């Protein structure tokens, strides 16, 4: 099938992440020419579950196509499913990851199991999800104030709205990345290219998305940890890159800041 008149050709280039190796990047471009259908994959039995998608489509592979290590051209559905499934599987891991944000600021994502807990820390704020509560903390003039709300139901993911403040501060969480990938896969005019890189000593697969809604590049490590993100989120430029990864978490990561004021909005229990 011919491309529609005026359709943009896919880019044959990619954007390197400052400070990290861009060697051994392998590029695959694909344009969706028919409609796509979503099929939910089984969710992980953790506090934060990510909806993975299967995108079945008719593809027109462009001239910038190359082959992956298995000698097979990755299609659009392969790219999205690989990224989503890695992020989903990683929700069953225990780890702590440090990130460098735009402007030199830092952030941390941490999660642990039995029970499932997660914590996202960024300059001036923190979001913690445990079986006891969902805690959103803000620090102003050196004083932390935390609002406690009911935790997500067992085996359910919290509302994406919880990550709104984190996004404003430049911290993009895995559920947000999966949402962006899904939207890109359903955009018939989007061009999605695959590449690979190394972040904090860990190999990562990347997708470079070009679409009218905004361009972005997202990388996920072999273990399924978000490696980097560069692009527009809700109209704001966002950039983060993994600087350190550990397969252990300090239990204090899920506790409220010392001396924090607490506003408890959880329903009273009988």
Protein backbone atom coordinates (compact mmCIF):
# COMPACT_ATOMS: atom_id res chain seq x y z
CA UNK A 1 0.00 0.00 0.00
CA UNK A 2 1.24 3.48 -0.85
CA UNK A 3 1.75 6.07 1.84
CA UNK A 4 -0.78 8.85 1.92
CA UNK A 5 0.19 12.05 0.11
CA UNK A 6 2.04 14.41 2.42
CA UNK A 7 2.91 11.70 4.95
CA UNK A 8 6.22 12.32 6.66
CA UNK A 9 9.06 9.88 5.92
CA UNK A 10 10.49 8.20 9.02
CA UNK A 11 13.69 9.57 10.40
CA UNK A 12 16.78 7.45 9.92
CA UNK A 13 18.52 9.01 12.89
CA UNK A 14 18.17 8.84 16.66
CA UNK A 15 18.91 11.10 19.59
CA UNK A 16 21.76 10.09 21.87
CA UNK A 17 21.35 10.67 25.59
CA UNK A 18 23.98 13.11 26.86
CA UNK A 19 26.66 11.42 28.89
CA UNK A 20 25.88 7.90 27.72
CA UNK A 21 27.21 5.67 24.96
CA UNK A 22 25.32 5.64 21.70
CA UNK A 23 27.32 2.74 20.26
CA UNK A 24 25.75 -0.40 18.86
CA UNK A 25 22.40 1.26 18.28
CA UNK A 26 20.29 -0.66 15.76
CA UNK A 27 17.56 1.19 13.92
CA UNK A 28 14.22 -0.20 12.78
CA UNK A 29 11.49 2.07 11.40
CA UNK A 30 7.87 1.14 10.74
CA UNK A 31 4.76 3.03 9.69
CA UNK A 32 1.28 1.79 10.57
CA UNK A 33 -1.03 1.79 7.57
CA UNK A 34 -4.15 0.17 9.03
CA UNK A 35 -6.03 0.22 12.29
CA UNK A 36 -4.68 -1.45 15.42
CA UNK A 37 -6.42 -3.52 18.08
CA UNK A 38 -5.56 -3.65 21.78
CA UNK A 39 -5.52 -6.87 23.77
CA UNK A 40 -4.76 -6.62 27.54
CA UNK A 41 -1.99 -8.88 28.78
CA UNK A 42 -2.22 -10.60 32.19
CA UNK A 43 -1.33 -8.09 34.87
CA UNK A 44 1.41 -8.68 37.40
CA UNK A 45 0.23 -9.39 40.94
CA UNK A 46 1.92 -6.33 42.43
CA UNK A 47 0.73 -3.00 43.78
CA UNK A 48 1.64 -1.21 40.58
CA UNK A 49 0.50 -3.20 37.54
CA UNK A 50 1.10 -1.91 34.05
CA UNK A 51 -1.26 -2.53 31.16
CA UNK A 52 0.74 -4.13 28.39
CA UNK A 53 -0.65 -4.06 24.88
CA UNK A 54 -0.57 -6.14 21.77
CA UNK A 55 -0.84 -4.08 18.61
CA UNK A 56 -1.71 -6.07 15.50
CA UNK A 57 -1.29 -4.04 12.36
CA UNK A 58 -0.37 -4.01 8.70
CA UNK A 59 3.09 -2.46 8.36
CA UNK A 60 4.92 -0.70 5.59
CA UNK A 61 8.60 -1.03 6.46
CA UNK A 62 10.65 1.88 5.19
CA UNK A 63 14.10 2.13 3.73
CA UNK A 64 15.79 2.80 7.09
CA UNK A 65 15.01 -0.72 8.29
CA UNK A 66 17.80 -2.91 9.66
CA UNK A 67 17.69 -6.34 11.29
CA UNK A 68 17.83 -7.20 14.98
CA UNK A 69 20.24 -9.74 16.44
CA UNK A 70 18.01 -12.63 15.40
CA UNK A 71 18.03 -11.40 11.82
CA UNK A 72 14.38 -10.38 11.93
CA UNK A 73 12.86 -6.98 11.38
CA UNK A 74 10.91 -5.90 14.44
CA UNK A 75 7.41 -4.68 13.68
CA UNK A 76 5.47 -2.01 15.47
CA UNK A 77 3.67 -4.47 17.75
CA UNK A 78 6.97 -6.15 18.67
CA UNK A 79 8.48 -2.84 19.73
CA UNK A 80 5.56 -1.85 21.93
CA UNK A 81 5.02 -5.30 23.45
CA UNK A 82 8.69 -5.76 24.26
CA UNK A 83 8.88 -2.45 26.10
CA UNK A 84 5.55 -2.92 27.90
CA UNK A 85 6.24 -6.50 28.96
CA UNK A 86 9.68 -5.57 30.32
CA UNK A 87 8.21 -2.76 32.40
CA UNK A 88 5.42 -5.07 33.58
CA UNK A 89 7.75 -7.88 34.63
CA UNK A 90 9.99 -5.44 36.49
CA UNK A 91 7.12 -4.68 38.86
CA UNK A 92 7.83 -8.02 40.51
CA UNK A 93 11.43 -7.04 41.28
CA UNK A 94 13.02 -5.38 44.28
CA UNK A 95 15.30 -2.53 43.25
CA UNK A 96 16.26 1.10 43.65
CA UNK A 97 17.16 3.32 40.70
CA UNK A 98 18.65 6.81 40.70
CA UNK A 99 18.05 9.24 37.84
CA UNK A 100 19.53 12.48 36.59
CA UNK A 101 16.88 15.02 35.62
CA UNK A 102 17.14 18.09 33.43
CA UNK A 103 19.06 20.88 35.14
CA UNK A 104 21.21 18.47 37.14
CA UNK A 105 18.55 17.53 39.70
CA UNK A 106 18.11 13.93 40.84
CA UNK A 107 15.24 11.54 41.50
CA UNK A 108 14.80 7.97 42.75
CA UNK A 109 12.39 5.12 42.07
CA UNK A 110 12.30 2.19 44.49
CA UNK A 111 10.13 -0.86 44.96
CA UNK A 112 10.09 -3.97 47.13
CA UNK A 113 7.96 -7.10 47.48
CA UNK A 114 6.19 -9.07 50.24
CA UNK A 115 4.41 -6.78 50.73
CA UNK A 116 4.52 -4.80 47.50
CA UNK A 117 5.69 -1.23 48.08
CA UNK A 118 6.91 1.55 45.84
CA UNK A 119 8.37 5.01 46.32
CA UNK A 120 9.09 7.85 43.90
CA UNK A 121 11.22 10.73 45.13
CA UNK A 122 11.93 13.97 43.23
CA UNK A 123 13.15 17.44 44.20
CA UNK A 124 10.70 18.74 46.77
CA UNK A 125 8.35 15.77 46.79
CA UNK A 126 7.71 12.08 47.27
CA UNK A 127 4.99 9.55 46.45
CA UNK A 128 4.89 6.33 48.47
CA UNK A 129 2.45 3.46 47.93
CA UNK A 130 2.23 0.72 50.57
CA UNK A 131 -0.53 -1.62 51.79
CA UNK A 132 -1.21 0.87 54.60
CA UNK A 133 -1.53 4.12 52.66
CA UNK A 134 -0.78 6.21 49.62
CA UNK A 135 1.36 9.09 50.88
CA UNK A 136 2.05 12.27 48.91
CA UNK A 137 4.66 14.49 50.49
CA UNK A 138 5.81 18.00 49.62
CA UNK A 139 8.73 19.87 51.12
CA UNK A 140 8.58 23.65 51.43
CA UNK A 141 11.23 25.74 53.19
CA UNK A 142 12.76 22.56 54.59
CA UNK A 143 9.48 21.33 56.12
CA UNK A 144 7.77 18.22 54.76
CA UNK A 145 4.01 17.77 54.79
CA UNK A 146 2.47 14.42 53.87
CA UNK A 147 -1.13 13.63 52.95
CA UNK A 148 -2.21 10.04 53.59
CA UNK A 149 -4.97 8.50 51.51
CA UNK A 150 -6.36 4.99 51.22
CA UNK A 151 -4.01 2.55 49.50
CA UNK A 152 -4.98 0.90 46.22
CA UNK A 153 -7.09 -2.22 46.50
CA UNK A 154 -5.07 -5.45 46.71
CA UNK A 155 -3.60 -6.40 43.32
CA UNK A 156 -4.80 -3.10 41.82
CA UNK A 157 -2.76 -0.25 40.43
CA UNK A 158 -3.15 3.30 41.77
CA UNK A 159 -4.72 5.98 39.62
CA UNK A 160 -2.35 7.51 37.09
CA UNK A 161 -3.47 10.86 38.52
CA UNK A 162 -1.23 10.12 41.50
CA UNK A 163 1.79 10.68 39.28
CA UNK A 164 0.69 14.15 38.15
CA UNK A 165 2.99 16.07 40.48
CA UNK A 166 5.91 13.79 39.69
CA UNK A 167 5.44 14.54 35.98
CA UNK A 168 5.39 18.27 36.69
CA UNK A 169 8.75 17.91 38.40
CA UNK A 170 10.27 15.98 35.50
CA UNK A 171 9.96 12.44 36.87
CA UNK A 172 8.24 10.16 34.36
CA UNK A 173 7.11 6.85 35.88
CA UNK A 174 6.78 3.48 34.09
CA UNK A 175 2.94 3.61 33.90
CA UNK A 176 3.18 6.99 32.16
CA UNK A 177 5.70 5.62 29.65
CA UNK A 178 3.47 2.65 28.83
CA UNK A 179 0.58 5.05 28.20
CA UNK A 180 2.68 7.11 25.81
CA UNK A 181 3.81 4.00 23.94
CA UNK A 182 0.24 2.78 23.60
CA UNK A 183 -0.93 6.12 22.23
CA UNK A 184 1.94 6.18 19.75
CA UNK A 185 1.15 2.67 18.54
CA UNK A 186 -2.43 3.72 17.78
CA UNK A 187 -1.35 6.82 15.85
CA UNK A 188 -1.37 5.90 12.13
CA UNK A 189 1.00 8.77 11.30
CA UNK A 190 3.55 8.01 14.02
CA UNK A 191 6.98 6.70 13.10
CA UNK A 192 8.57 4.37 15.67
CA UNK A 193 12.24 3.43 15.46
CA UNK A 194 14.18 0.98 17.62
CA UNK A 195 17.72 1.42 18.90
CA UNK A 196 19.87 0.30 21.82
CA UNK A 197 22.32 1.92 24.20
CA UNK A 198 24.04 1.50 27.57
CA UNK A 199 22.87 3.32 30.70
CA UNK A 200 24.70 3.15 34.02
CA UNK A 201 26.42 0.02 32.74
CA UNK A 202 23.17 -1.71 31.75
CA UNK A 203 22.10 -2.55 28.21
CA UNK A 204 18.82 -0.90 27.21
CA UNK A 205 16.46 -1.10 24.25
CA UNK A 206 14.98 2.19 23.07
CA UNK A 207 12.11 3.43 20.94
CA UNK A 208 12.24 6.78 19.19
CA UNK A 209 8.74 8.09 18.43
CA UNK A 210 7.94 10.87 15.97
CA UNK A 211 4.32 12.02 15.88
CA UNK A 212 2.19 15.16 15.74
CA UNK A 213 1.47 14.94 19.47
CA UNK A 214 5.18 15.26 20.21
CA UNK A 215 8.41 13.34 19.82
CA UNK A 216 9.96 11.25 22.58
CA UNK A 217 12.61 8.61 23.16
CA UNK A 218 12.20 5.97 25.88
CA UNK A 219 14.71 3.29 26.90
CA UNK A 220 14.15 0.20 29.06
CA UNK A 221 16.91 -2.01 30.44
CA UNK A 222 17.08 -5.77 29.98
CA UNK A 223 15.70 -6.15 33.53
CA UNK A 224 12.71 -3.98 32.64
CA UNK A 225 13.76 -0.86 34.52
CA UNK A 226 13.06 2.52 32.93
CA UNK A 227 16.46 3.58 31.62
CA UNK A 228 15.79 7.00 30.17
CA UNK A 229 13.16 9.30 28.71
CA UNK A 230 13.45 12.43 26.63
CA UNK A 231 10.47 14.27 25.17
CA UNK A 232 7.26 16.16 25.82
CA UNK A 233 4.83 15.10 28.57
CA UNK A 234 1.64 17.15 28.95
CA UNK A 235 3.31 19.90 26.94
CA UNK A 236 6.38 20.04 29.19
CA UNK A 237 9.91 19.02 28.16
CA UNK A 238 11.13 16.10 30.26
CA UNK A 239 14.52 14.42 30.38
CA UNK A 240 15.84 11.77 32.74
CA UNK A 241 18.53 9.10 32.57
CA UNK A 242 19.47 6.21 34.84
CA UNK A 243 22.68 6.82 36.79
CA UNK A 244 22.64 3.99 39.33
CA UNK A 245 20.77 0.70 39.76
CA UNK A 246 20.76 -1.55 42.83
CA UNK A 247 18.96 -4.85 43.46
CA UNK A 248 18.21 -3.84 47.04
CA UNK A 249 16.18 -1.15 48.80
CA UNK A 250 16.63 0.55 52.15
CA UNK A 251 13.41 0.07 54.12
CA UNK A 252 13.50 3.77 55.01
CA UNK A 253 12.64 4.55 51.39
CA UNK A 254 8.99 3.77 52.14
CA UNK A 255 8.77 5.74 55.38
CA UNK A 256 7.58 9.32 55.78
CA UNK A 257 10.28 11.99 56.05
CA UNK A 258 11.48 12.55 59.60
CA UNK A 259 9.50 15.30 61.32
CA UNK A 260 6.93 15.56 58.53
CA UNK A 261 3.52 17.00 59.24
CA UNK A 262 0.78 14.48 58.50
CA UNK A 263 -2.74 14.99 57.16
CA UNK A 264 -4.55 11.65 57.37
CA UNK A 265 -7.46 11.41 54.93
CA UNK A 266 -7.88 7.66 55.08
CA UNK A 267 -11.38 6.43 55.92
CA UNK A 268 -11.83 5.58 59.58
CA UNK A 269 -11.84 1.85 60.29
CA UNK A 270 -14.36 0.25 62.61
